PDB file of N, CA and C in Angstrom:
ATOM      1  N   MET A   1     170.075 -36.646 276.532  1.00  0.00           N
ATOM      2  CA  MET A   1     170.790 -36.127 277.384  1.00  0.00           C
ATOM      3  C   MET A   1     170.836 -37.037 278.334  1.00  0.00           C
ATOM      4  N   THR A   2     172.160 -37.394 279.584  1.00  0.00           N
ATOM      5  CA  THR A   2     172.570 -38.537 279.896  1.00  0.00           C
ATOM      6  C   THR A   2     173.474 -37.930 280.642  1.00  0.00           C
ATOM      7  N   THR A   3     172.742 -38.712 282.029  1.00  0.00           N
ATOM      8  CA  THR A   3     173.924 -38.136 283.643  1.00  0.00           C
ATOM      9  C   THR A   3     174.520 -39.156 283.618  1.00  0.00           C
ATOM     10  N   TYR A   4     175.429 -38.126 283.959  1.00  0.00           N
ATOM     11  CA  TYR A   4     177.649 -39.481 284.341  1.00  0.00           C
ATOM     12  C   TYR A   4     177.311 -38.796 285.382  1.00  0.00           C
ATOM     13  N   HIS A   5     177.529 -39.634 286.189  1.00  0.00           N
ATOM     14  CA  HIS A   5     178.663 -39.729 287.197  1.00  0.00           C
ATOM     15  C   HIS A   5     179.921 -39.902 287.957  1.00  0.00           C
ATOM     16  N   TYR A   6     180.575 -39.010 288.385  1.00  0.00           N
ATOM     17  CA  TYR A   6     181.991 -39.937 287.877  1.00  0.00           C
ATOM     18  C   TYR A   6     183.103 -39.706 290.318  1.00  0.00           C
ATOM     19  N   VAL A   7     184.257 -39.906 289.715  1.00  0.00           N
ATOM     20  CA  VAL A   7     184.420 -40.669 290.132  1.00  0.00           C
ATOM     21  C   VAL A   7     186.319 -39.757 289.952  1.00  0.00           C
ATOM     22  N   LEU A   8     187.234 -38.944 290.320  1.00  0.00           N
ATOM     23  CA  LEU A   8     187.832 -37.922 289.755  1.00  0.00           C
ATOM     24  C   LEU A   8     189.044 -38.294 290.610  1.00  0.00           C
ATOM     25  N   ALA A   9     190.732 -38.573 290.356  1.00  0.00           N
ATOM     26  CA  ALA A   9     191.517 -38.298 290.715  1.00  0.00           C
ATOM     27  C   ALA A   9     192.535 -38.320 290.296  1.00  0.00           C
ATOM     28  N   SER A  10     193.769 -38.010 290.899  1.00  0.00           N
ATOM     29  CA  SER A  10     194.998 -38.145 290.227  1.00  0.00           C
ATOM     30  C   SER A  10     195.040 -39.698 288.575  1.00  0.00           C
ATOM     31  N   GLN A  11     195.750 -39.083 287.936  1.00  0.00           N
ATOM     32  CA  GLN A  11     195.627 -40.880 287.215  1.00  0.00           C
ATOM     33  C   GLN A  11     196.648 -41.437 287.783  1.00  0.00           C
ATOM     34  N   ARG A  12     198.018 -41.001 288.639  1.00  0.00           N
ATOM     35  CA  ARG A  12     198.867 -41.892 289.599  1.00  0.00           C
ATOM     36  C   ARG A  12     197.716 -42.674 290.450  1.00  0.00           C
ATOM     37  N   PHE A  13     197.122 -41.493 291.099  1.00  0.00           N
ATOM     38  CA  PHE A  13     196.116 -42.926 292.361  1.00  0.00           C
ATOM     39  C   PHE A  13     195.630 -43.665 291.755  1.00  0.00           C
ATOM     40  N   LEU A  14     194.403 -42.847 291.110  1.00  0.00           N
ATOM     41  CA  LEU A  14     193.828 -44.261 290.754  1.00  0.00           C
ATOM     42  C   LEU A  14     194.357 -45.705 289.447  1.00  0.00           C
ATOM     43  N   THR A  15     195.206 -45.062 288.818  1.00  0.00           N
ATOM     44  CA  THR A  15     195.799 -46.036 288.034  1.00  0.00           C
ATOM     45  C   THR A  15     197.033 -46.663 288.685  1.00  0.00           C
ATOM     46  N   VAL A  16     197.563 -46.509 289.593  1.00  0.00           N
ATOM     47  CA  VAL A  16     199.104 -46.985 290.520  1.00  0.00           C
ATOM     48  C   VAL A  16     199.270 -47.127 291.503  1.00  0.00           C
ATOM     49  N   GLU A  17     198.391 -46.042 292.667  1.00  0.00           N
ATOM     50  CA  GLU A  17     198.469 -46.675 293.404  1.00  0.00           C
ATOM     51  C   GLU A  17     197.496 -47.466 294.353  1.00  0.00           C
ATOM     52  N   GLU A  18     196.261 -47.357 293.955  1.00  0.00           N
ATOM     53  CA  GLU A  18     194.991 -47.761 294.058  1.00  0.00           C
ATOM     54  C   GLU A  18     194.988 -49.018 293.351  1.00  0.00           C
ATOM     55  N   PRO A  19     194.358 -50.947 293.283  1.00  0.00           N
ATOM     56  CA  PRO A  19     194.134 -52.193 293.009  1.00  0.00           C
ATOM     57  C   PRO A  19     193.274 -52.136 292.389  1.00  0.00           C
ATOM     58  N   LEU A  20     193.168 -50.719 291.451  1.00  0.00           N
ATOM     59  CA  LEU A  20     191.676 -50.245 290.528  1.00  0.00           C
ATOM     60  C   LEU A  20     191.143 -51.168 289.370  1.00  0.00           C
ATOM     61  N   ASP A  21     192.489 -51.529 288.937  1.00  0.00           N
ATOM     62  CA  ASP A  21     192.157 -52.547 287.300  1.00  0.00           C
ATOM     63  C   ASP A  21     191.605 -53.603 288.038  1.00  0.00           C
ATOM     64  N   GLU A  22     191.482 -54.659 288.663  1.00  0.00           N
ATOM     65  CA  GLU A  22     191.449 -55.651 289.518  1.00  0.00           C
ATOM     66  C   GLU A  22     189.841 -55.068 290.249  1.00  0.00           C
ATOM     67  N   VAL A  23     188.940 -54.122 290.464  1.00  0.00           N
ATOM     68  CA  VAL A  23     187.899 -53.796 290.507  1.00  0.00           C
ATOM     69  C   VAL A  23     186.673 -53.878 289.432  1.00  0.00           C
ATOM     70  N   LEU A  24     187.618 -53.835 288.467  1.00  0.00           N
ATOM     71  CA  LEU A  24     186.871 -52.941 287.483  1.00  0.00           C
ATOM     72  C   LEU A  24     186.612 -54.599 286.502  1.00  0.00           C
ATOM     73  N   ARG A  25     187.835 -55.517 287.049  1.00  0.00           N
ATOM     74  CA  ARG A  25     187.710 -56.239 286.240  1.00  0.00           C
ATOM     75  C   ARG A  25     186.977 -57.751 286.623  1.00  0.00           C
ATOM     76  N   GLU A  26     186.669 -57.490 287.753  1.00  0.00           N
ATOM     77  CA  GLU A  26     186.187 -58.347 288.473  1.00  0.00           C
ATOM     78  C   GLU A  26     184.620 -57.935 287.798  1.00  0.00           C
ATOM     79  N   ARG A  27     183.755 -56.233 288.296  1.00  0.00           N
ATOM     80  CA  ARG A  27     182.615 -56.030 288.229  1.00  0.00           C
ATOM     81  C   ARG A  27     182.553 -56.240 286.199  1.00  0.00           C
ATOM     82  N   THR A  28     183.279 -55.436 285.869  1.00  0.00           N
ATOM     83  CA  THR A  28     183.177 -56.310 283.853  1.00  0.00           C
ATOM     84  C   THR A  28     183.282 -57.929 284.184  1.00  0.00           C
ATOM     85  N   ARG A  29     183.485 -58.192 284.687  1.00  0.00           N
ATOM     86  CA  ARG A  29     182.949 -60.309 284.729  1.00  0.00           C
ATOM     87  C   ARG A  29     181.364 -60.727 284.674  1.00  0.00           C
ATOM     88  N   ASN A  30     181.721 -59.466 285.975  1.00  0.00           N
ATOM     89  CA  ASN A  30     179.969 -59.924 286.815  1.00  0.00           C
ATOM     90  C   ASN A  30     179.238 -59.339 286.087  1.00  0.00           C
ATOM     91  N   TYR A  31     179.496 -57.787 285.154  1.00  0.00           N
ATOM     92  CA  TYR A  31     178.312 -57.743 284.293  1.00  0.00           C
ATOM     93  C   TYR A  31     178.284 -58.881 283.116  1.00  0.00           C
ATOM     94  N   GLN A  32     179.289 -59.182 283.147  1.00  0.00           N
ATOM     95  CA  GLN A  32     178.937 -60.575 281.469  1.00  0.00           C
ATOM     96  C   GLN A  32     178.573 -61.355 281.912  1.00  0.00           C
ATOM     97  N   GLU A  33     178.872 -61.677 283.071  1.00  0.00           N
ATOM     98  CA  GLU A  33     178.322 -63.094 283.593  1.00  0.00           C
ATOM     99  C   GLU A  33     176.117 -62.691 283.609  1.00  0.00           C
ATOM    100  N   GLN A  34     176.403 -61.301 283.816  1.00  0.00           N
ATOM    101  CA  GLN A  34     174.660 -61.060 283.843  1.00  0.00           C
ATOM    102  C   GLN A  34     173.871 -61.083 282.817  1.00  0.00           C
ATOM    103  N   GLU A  35     175.191 -60.436 281.639  1.00  0.00           N
ATOM    104  CA  GLU A  35     174.407 -60.252 280.430  1.00  0.00           C
ATOM    105  C   GLU A  35     174.220 -58.857 280.450  1.00  0.00           C
ATOM    106  N   LYS A  36     174.489 -58.134 281.067  1.00  0.00           N
ATOM    107  CA  LYS A  36     174.025 -56.984 281.609  1.00  0.00           C
ATOM    108  C   LYS A  36     174.942 -55.650 280.681  1.00  0.00           C
ATOM    109  N   GLU A  37     174.574 -54.315 280.250  1.00  0.00           N
ATOM    110  CA  GLU A  37     175.618 -53.656 279.310  1.00  0.00           C
ATOM    111  C   GLU A  37     176.599 -53.362 280.469  1.00  0.00           C
ATOM    112  N   ILE A  38     177.887 -52.779 280.039  1.00  0.00           N
ATOM    113  CA  ILE A  38     178.866 -52.376 280.582  1.00  0.00           C
ATOM    114  C   ILE A  38     178.051 -50.402 280.477  1.00  0.00           C
ATOM    115  N   ASP A  39     178.384 -50.051 282.254  1.00  0.00           N
ATOM    116  CA  ASP A  39     177.915 -48.420 282.313  1.00  0.00           C
ATOM    117  C   ASP A  39     178.934 -47.552 283.057  1.00  0.00           C
ATOM    118  N   PHE A  40     180.589 -48.154 282.656  1.00  0.00           N
ATOM    119  CA  PHE A  40     181.127 -47.557 283.407  1.00  0.00           C
ATOM    120  C   PHE A  40     182.053 -47.543 282.441  1.00  0.00           C
ATOM    121  N   TRP A  41     183.589 -46.250 282.548  1.00  0.00           N
ATOM    122  CA  TRP A  41     184.439 -45.712 281.760  1.00  0.00           C
ATOM    123  C   TRP A  41     185.674 -45.571 282.766  1.00  0.00           C
ATOM    124  N   LEU A  42     186.229 -46.306 282.987  1.00  0.00           N
ATOM    125  CA  LEU A  42     188.383 -45.450 283.259  1.00  0.00           C
ATOM    126  C   LEU A  42     188.894 -44.407 281.912  1.00  0.00           C
ATOM    127  N   VAL A  43     188.476 -42.567 282.650  1.00  0.00           N
ATOM    128  CA  VAL A  43     188.787 -41.459 281.349  1.00  0.00           C
ATOM    129  C   VAL A  43     189.892 -41.120 281.859  1.00  0.00           C
ATOM    130  N   LEU A  44     192.029 -41.097 281.217  1.00  0.00           N
ATOM    131  CA  LEU A  44     192.742 -40.315 281.649  1.00  0.00           C
ATOM    132  C   LEU A  44     192.497 -38.901 280.728  1.00  0.00           C
ATOM    133  N   GLN A  45     193.058 -38.507 281.534  1.00  0.00           N
ATOM    134  CA  GLN A  45     191.994 -36.458 281.651  1.00  0.00           C
ATOM    135  C   GLN A  45     191.525 -36.321 280.953  1.00  0.00           C
ATOM    136  N   PRO A  46     190.985 -36.645 281.227  1.00  0.00           N
ATOM    137  CA  PRO A  46     188.496 -36.952 281.203  1.00  0.00           C
ATOM    138  C   PRO A  46     188.453 -35.125 280.355  1.00  0.00           C
ATOM    139  N   ALA A  47     188.203 -34.681 278.994  1.00  0.00           N
ATOM    140  CA  ALA A  47     187.329 -33.789 279.135  1.00  0.00           C
ATOM    141  C   ALA A  47     186.092 -33.414 279.081  1.00  0.00           C
ATOM    142  N   PHE A  48     186.148 -33.784 280.268  1.00  0.00           N
ATOM    143  CA  PHE A  48     184.876 -32.595 280.402  1.00  0.00           C
ATOM    144  C   PHE A  48     185.332 -31.794 281.545  1.00  0.00           C
ATOM    145  N   LEU A  49     186.542 -31.629 282.783  1.00  0.00           N
ATOM    146  CA  LEU A  49     187.279 -31.167 283.049  1.00  0.00           C
ATOM    147  C   LEU A  49     188.029 -29.447 282.501  1.00  0.00           C
ATOM    148  N   GLU A  50     187.720 -29.833 280.944  1.00  0.00           N
ATOM    149  CA  GLU A  50     187.916 -28.465 280.759  1.00  0.00           C
ATOM    150  C   GLU A  50     186.771 -27.609 280.127  1.00  0.00           C
ATOM    151  N   VAL A  51     185.491 -27.931 280.461  1.00  0.00           N
ATOM    152  CA  VAL A  51     184.164 -27.239 280.703  1.00  0.00           C
ATOM    153  C   VAL A  51     184.743 -26.230 281.651  1.00  0.00           C
ATOM    154  N   PRO A  52     184.022 -24.302 281.139  1.00  0.00           N
ATOM    155  CA  PRO A  52     184.446 -23.398 282.538  1.00  0.00           C
ATOM    156  C   PRO A  52     184.251 -23.867 283.626  1.00  0.00           C
ATOM    157  N   ALA A  53     182.724 -24.405 283.891  1.00  0.00           N
ATOM    158  CA  ALA A  53     182.325 -25.087 285.410  1.00  0.00           C
ATOM    159  C   ALA A  53     182.767 -25.899 285.936  1.00  0.00           C
ATOM    160  N   MET A  54     184.010 -26.689 285.437  1.00  0.00           N
ATOM    161  CA  MET A  54     184.714 -27.456 285.900  1.00  0.00           C
ATOM    162  C   MET A  54     185.748 -26.516 286.555  1.00  0.00           C
ATOM    163  N   ALA A  55     186.097 -25.779 286.138  1.00  0.00           N
ATOM    164  CA  ALA A  55     187.680 -25.746 286.047  1.00  0.00           C
ATOM    165  C   ALA A  55     187.672 -24.985 288.156  1.00  0.00           C
ATOM    166  N   GLU A  56     187.250 -25.364 289.374  1.00  0.00           N
ATOM    167  CA  GLU A  56     187.363 -25.259 290.514  1.00  0.00           C
ATOM    168  C   GLU A  56     187.851 -26.570 291.016  1.00  0.00           C
ATOM    169  N   ILE A  57     187.259 -27.689 290.370  1.00  0.00           N
ATOM    170  CA  ILE A  57     186.954 -29.219 290.153  1.00  0.00           C
ATOM    171  C   ILE A  57     188.678 -29.699 290.171  1.00  0.00           C
ATOM    172  N   LYS A  58     188.820 -29.057 288.892  1.00  0.00           N
ATOM    173  CA  LYS A  58     190.118 -29.155 288.014  1.00  0.00           C
ATOM    174  C   LYS A  58     190.851 -28.718 288.763  1.00  0.00           C
ATOM    175  N   ALA A  59     190.645 -27.501 289.300  1.00  0.00           N
ATOM    176  CA  ALA A  59     192.282 -26.930 289.580  1.00  0.00           C
ATOM    177  C   ALA A  59     192.519 -27.211 291.066  1.00  0.00           C
ATOM    178  N   LYS A  60     191.464 -28.353 291.929  1.00  0.00           N
ATOM    179  CA  LYS A  60     191.556 -29.235 293.429  1.00  0.00           C
ATOM    180  C   LYS A  60     192.474 -30.804 293.071  1.00  0.00           C
ATOM    181  N   CYS A  61     191.986 -30.842 291.586  1.00  0.00           N
ATOM    182  CA  CYS A  61     192.272 -32.191 291.802  1.00  0.00           C
ATOM    183  C   CYS A  61     194.006 -32.259 290.635  1.00  0.00           C
ATOM    184  N   PRO A  62     194.755 -33.109 291.304  1.00  0.00           N
ATOM    185  CA  PRO A  62     196.780 -33.126 290.521  1.00  0.00           C
ATOM    186  C   PRO A  62     196.451 -34.098 289.331  1.00  0.00           C
ATOM    187  N   GLN A  63     197.033 -32.642 288.671  1.00  0.00           N
ATOM    188  CA  GLN A  63     197.202 -33.289 287.336  1.00  0.00           C
ATOM    189  C   GLN A  63     198.667 -34.270 287.212  1.00  0.00           C
ATOM    190  N   PRO A  64     198.481 -35.084 285.695  1.00  0.00           N
ATOM    191  CA  PRO A  64     197.559 -35.641 284.864  1.00  0.00           C
ATOM    192  C   PRO A  64     195.880 -36.015 285.864  1.00  0.00           C
ATOM    193  N   ALA A  65     195.008 -35.415 285.367  1.00  0.00           N
ATOM    194  CA  ALA A  65     193.676 -36.867 285.673  1.00  0.00           C
ATOM    195  C   ALA A  65     192.957 -38.208 285.674  1.00  0.00           C
ATOM    196  N   ALA A  66     192.454 -38.992 286.242  1.00  0.00           N
ATOM    197  CA  ALA A  66     191.927 -39.826 285.913  1.00  0.00           C
ATOM    198  C   ALA A  66     190.705 -40.064 286.223  1.00  0.00           C
ATOM    199  N   ALA A  67     190.088 -40.453 285.579  1.00  0.00           N
ATOM    200  CA  ALA A  67     188.204 -40.261 286.278  1.00  0.00           C
ATOM    201  C   ALA A  67     187.478 -42.320 285.725  1.00  0.00           C
ATOM    202  N   ILE A  68     186.439 -42.353 287.238  1.00  0.00           N
ATOM    203  CA  ILE A  68     185.475 -43.152 286.125  1.00  0.00           C
ATOM    204  C   ILE A  68     184.373 -42.715 285.845  1.00  0.00           C
ATOM    205  N   ILE A  69     183.884 -43.150 285.152  1.00  0.00           N
ATOM    206  CA  ILE A  69     182.792 -41.991 284.659  1.00  0.00           C
ATOM    207  C   ILE A  69     181.467 -43.731 284.168  1.00  0.00           C
ATOM    208  N   SER A  70     179.996 -42.498 285.609  1.00  0.00           N
ATOM    209  CA  SER A  70     179.482 -44.853 285.079  1.00  0.00           C
ATOM    210  C   SER A  70     178.032 -43.482 285.188  1.00  0.00           C
ATOM    211  N   THR A  71     176.744 -44.371 285.122  1.00  0.00           N
ATOM    212  CA  THR A  71     175.760 -43.630 284.755  1.00  0.00           C
ATOM    213  C   THR A  71     174.915 -44.624 285.471  1.00  0.00           C
ATOM    214  N   ASN A  72     175.572 -45.598 286.448  1.00  0.00           N
ATOM    215  CA  ASN A  72     174.832 -45.852 288.099  1.00  0.00           C
ATOM    216  C   ASN A  72     176.043 -45.129 289.147  1.00  0.00           C
ATOM    217  N   PRO A  73     174.874 -43.974 288.968  1.00  0.00           N
ATOM    218  CA  PRO A  73     174.981 -43.721 290.912  1.00  0.00           C
ATOM    219  C   PRO A  73     175.771 -43.477 292.064  1.00  0.00           C
ATOM    220  N   GLN A  74     175.207 -45.755 292.349  1.00  0.00           N
ATOM    221  CA  GLN A  74     175.446 -46.398 293.302  1.00  0.00           C
ATOM    222  C   GLN A  74     177.217 -46.993 293.261  1.00  0.00           C
ATOM    223  N   PHE A  75     176.865 -47.051 292.235  1.00  0.00           N
ATOM    224  CA  PHE A  75     178.575 -47.453 291.704  1.00  0.00           C
ATOM    225  C   PHE A  75     179.694 -46.166 292.629  1.00  0.00           C
ATOM    226  N   ILE A  76     179.220 -44.769 291.854  1.00  0.00           N
ATOM    227  CA  ILE A  76     180.441 -44.248 292.171  1.00  0.00           C
ATOM    228  C   ILE A  76     180.022 -43.662 293.163  1.00  0.00           C
ATOM    229  N   THR A  77     179.058 -44.299 294.352  1.00  0.00           N
ATOM    230  CA  THR A  77     179.013 -43.886 295.968  1.00  0.00           C
ATOM    231  C   THR A  77     180.048 -44.972 296.968  1.00  0.00           C
ATOM    232  N   TRP A  78     179.887 -46.083 295.692  1.00  0.00           N
ATOM    233  CA  TRP A  78     180.525 -46.941 296.141  1.00  0.00           C
ATOM    234  C   TRP A  78     181.945 -46.989 295.929  1.00  0.00           C
ATOM    235  N   LEU A  79     182.447 -46.623 294.780  1.00  0.00           N
ATOM    236  CA  LEU A  79     183.978 -46.594 295.012  1.00  0.00           C
ATOM    237  C   LEU A  79     184.468 -45.172 295.156  1.00  0.00           C
ATOM    238  N   LYS A  80     183.373 -44.229 295.958  1.00  0.00           N
ATOM    239  CA  LYS A  80     184.333 -43.116 296.442  1.00  0.00           C
ATOM    240  C   LYS A  80     184.066 -43.446 298.015  1.00  0.00           C
ATOM    241  N   LEU A  81     183.349 -43.755 298.804  1.00  0.00           N
ATOM    242  CA  LEU A  81     183.628 -45.158 300.012  1.00  0.00           C
ATOM    243  C   LEU A  81     185.227 -45.721 299.616  1.00  0.00           C
ATOM    244  N   ARG A  82     184.816 -46.563 299.044  1.00  0.00           N
ATOM    245  CA  ARG A  82     186.121 -47.308 298.357  1.00  0.00           C
ATOM    246  C   ARG A  82     187.695 -46.408 298.617  1.00  0.00           C
ATOM    247  N   LEU A  83     187.690 -45.574 297.781  1.00  0.00           N
ATOM    248  CA  LEU A  83     188.510 -44.686 297.722  1.00  0.00           C
ATOM    249  C   LEU A  83     189.041 -43.755 298.317  1.00  0.00           C
ATOM    250  N   GLU A  84     188.105 -43.003 298.756  1.00  0.00           N
ATOM    251  CA  GLU A  84     188.486 -41.795 300.476  1.00  0.00           C
ATOM    252  C   GLU A  84     188.545 -40.348 299.150  1.00  0.00           C
ATOM    253  N   TYR A  85     190.172 -40.247 298.656  1.00  0.00           N
ATOM    254  CA  TYR A  85     190.717 -39.951 298.486  1.00  0.00           C
ATOM    255  C   TYR A  85     190.556 -39.044 296.302  1.00  0.00           C
ATOM    256  N   VAL A  86     189.389 -39.165 296.446  1.00  0.00           N
ATOM    257  CA  VAL A  86     188.865 -39.053 295.402  1.00  0.00           C
ATOM    258  C   VAL A  86     187.692 -37.831 295.686  1.00  0.00           C
ATOM    259  N   PHE A  87     187.150 -37.510 294.023  1.00  0.00           N
ATOM    260  CA  PHE A  87     186.112 -36.099 294.379  1.00  0.00           C
ATOM    261  C   PHE A  87     185.419 -36.859 293.609  1.00  0.00           C
ATOM    262  N   THR A  88     183.667 -36.488 293.851  1.00  0.00           N
ATOM    263  CA  THR A  88     182.657 -36.930 292.778  1.00  0.00           C
ATOM    264  C   THR A  88     181.797 -35.719 292.647  1.00  0.00           C
ATOM    265  N   GLY A  89     181.166 -36.246 291.449  1.00  0.00           N
ATOM    266  CA  GLY A  89     179.974 -35.427 291.020  1.00  0.00           C
ATOM    267  C   GLY A  89     179.842 -36.574 289.250  1.00  0.00           C
ATOM    268  N   GLU A  90     178.677 -34.638 288.956  1.00  0.00           N
ATOM    269  CA  GLU A  90     177.893 -35.204 288.005  1.00  0.00           C
ATOM    270  C   GLU A  90     178.080 -34.427 286.864  1.00  0.00           C
ATOM    271  N   PHE A  91     177.418 -34.272 285.576  1.00  0.00           N
ATOM    272  CA  PHE A  91     177.097 -34.358 284.935  1.00  0.00           C
ATOM    273  C   PHE A  91     176.134 -34.266 283.697  1.00  0.00           C
ATOM    274  N   GLN A  92     175.512 -33.489 282.499  1.00  0.00           N
ATOM    275  CA  GLN A  92     175.146 -34.378 281.384  1.00  0.00           C
ATOM    276  C   GLN A  92     175.812 -34.371 280.662  1.00  0.00           C
ATOM    277  N   ALA A  93     175.238 -34.574 279.689  1.00  0.00           N
ATOM    278  CA  ALA A  93     175.891 -35.035 278.148  1.00  0.00           C
ATOM    279  C   ALA A  93     175.601 -35.644 277.391  1.00  0.00           C
ATOM    280  N   PRO A  94     175.087 -35.497 275.963  1.00  0.00           N
ATOM    281  CA  PRO A  94     176.391 -34.751 275.465  1.00  0.00           C
ATOM    282  C   PRO A  94     174.958 -32.961 275.559  1.00  0.00           C
ATOM    283  N   SER A  95     175.995 -31.875 276.030  1.00  0.00           N
ATOM    284  CA  SER A  95     176.033 -30.748 275.964  1.00  0.00           C
ATOM    285  C   SER A  95     176.671 -29.565 275.223  1.00  0.00           C
ATOM    286  N   ASP A  96     175.767 -28.660 275.251  1.00  0.00           N
ATOM    287  CA  ASP A  96     176.274 -27.440 274.701  1.00  0.00           C
ATOM    288  C   ASP A  96     177.774 -27.324 274.886  1.00  0.00           C
ATOM    289  N   ALA A  97     177.761 -27.828 276.280  1.00  0.00           N
ATOM    290  CA  ALA A  97     179.214 -27.210 276.821  1.00  0.00           C
ATOM    291  C   ALA A  97     180.537 -28.085 276.936  1.00  0.00           C
ATOM    292  N   ILE A  98     179.337 -29.610 277.259  1.00  0.00           N
ATOM    293  CA  ILE A  98     180.279 -31.410 277.142  1.00  0.00           C
ATOM    294  C   ILE A  98     179.579 -32.371 275.964  1.00  0.00           C
ATOM    295  N   PRO A  99     180.708 -32.146 275.391  1.00  0.00           N
ATOM    296  CA  PRO A  99     180.198 -33.088 274.441  1.00  0.00           C
ATOM    297  C   PRO A  99     180.145 -34.569 275.188  1.00  0.00           C
ATOM    298  N   ASP A 100     179.661 -35.557 274.029  1.00  0.00           N
ATOM    299  CA  ASP A 100     179.245 -37.393 274.399  1.00  0.00           C
ATOM    300  C   ASP A 100     180.832 -37.671 274.548  1.00  0.00           C
ATOM    301  N   PRO A 101     180.965 -38.089 276.617  1.00  0.00           N
ATOM    302  CA  PRO A 101     182.029 -38.737 277.138  1.00  0.00           C
ATOM    303  C   PRO A 101     182.699 -39.641 276.359  1.00  0.00           C
ATOM    304  N   LEU A 102     182.030 -40.141 275.726  1.00  0.00           N
ATOM    305  CA  LEU A 102     181.913 -42.057 275.488  1.00  0.00           C
ATOM    306  C   LEU A 102     182.499 -41.765 273.996  1.00  0.00           C
ATOM    307  N   ALA A 103     182.549 -41.129 273.318  1.00  0.00           N
ATOM    308  CA  ALA A 103     182.991 -40.578 272.214  1.00  0.00           C
ATOM    309  C   ALA A 103     183.521 -41.489 271.263  1.00  0.00           C
ATOM    310  N   SER A 104     184.540 -41.265 272.562  1.00  0.00           N
ATOM    311  CA  SER A 104     185.916 -41.456 271.696  1.00  0.00           C
ATOM    312  C   SER A 104     186.387 -43.066 272.942  1.00  0.00           C
ATOM    313  N   LEU A 105     185.927 -43.546 273.359  1.00  0.00           N
ATOM    314  CA  LEU A 105     186.330 -43.717 274.495  1.00  0.00           C
ATOM    315  C   LEU A 105     185.961 -45.644 273.666  1.00  0.00           C
ATOM    316  N   ALA A 106     186.848 -46.396 274.792  1.00  0.00           N
ATOM    317  CA  ALA A 106     187.170 -47.922 274.567  1.00  0.00           C
ATOM    318  C   ALA A 106     186.811 -48.527 275.848  1.00  0.00           C
ATOM    319  N   ARG A 107     185.815 -49.184 275.724  1.00  0.00           N
ATOM    320  CA  ARG A 107     185.329 -49.919 277.265  1.00  0.00           C
ATOM    321  C   ARG A 107     186.159 -50.504 278.091  1.00  0.00           C
ATOM    322  N   VAL A 108     186.123 -50.581 278.883  1.00  0.00           N
ATOM    323  CA  VAL A 108     187.107 -51.011 280.620  1.00  0.00           C
ATOM    324  C   VAL A 108     186.860 -52.367 279.939  1.00  0.00           C
TER     325      VAL A 108
END
């Protein structure tokens, strides 16, 4: 099982109001230069929000939601400080409640 950390906000906030694509492109470029494996993903309408344990978080976040998921907690902390108006948290997957959140994703 893997621990995933996330930044969660409305899809509009993360994809339109914030220049997040620039941040993610720069981080991707940096990882490629260092030959480091990508450890973050932008997920639109994240399935982990459908788990009953996440109902309270889902209710607080404007829908449709989007999340940046990472296995790197420092990156998520940095994003939280940069973006300010987001929710953060973590979950473990795959589990009985949450399937692998990356199973059907393309890399950022």
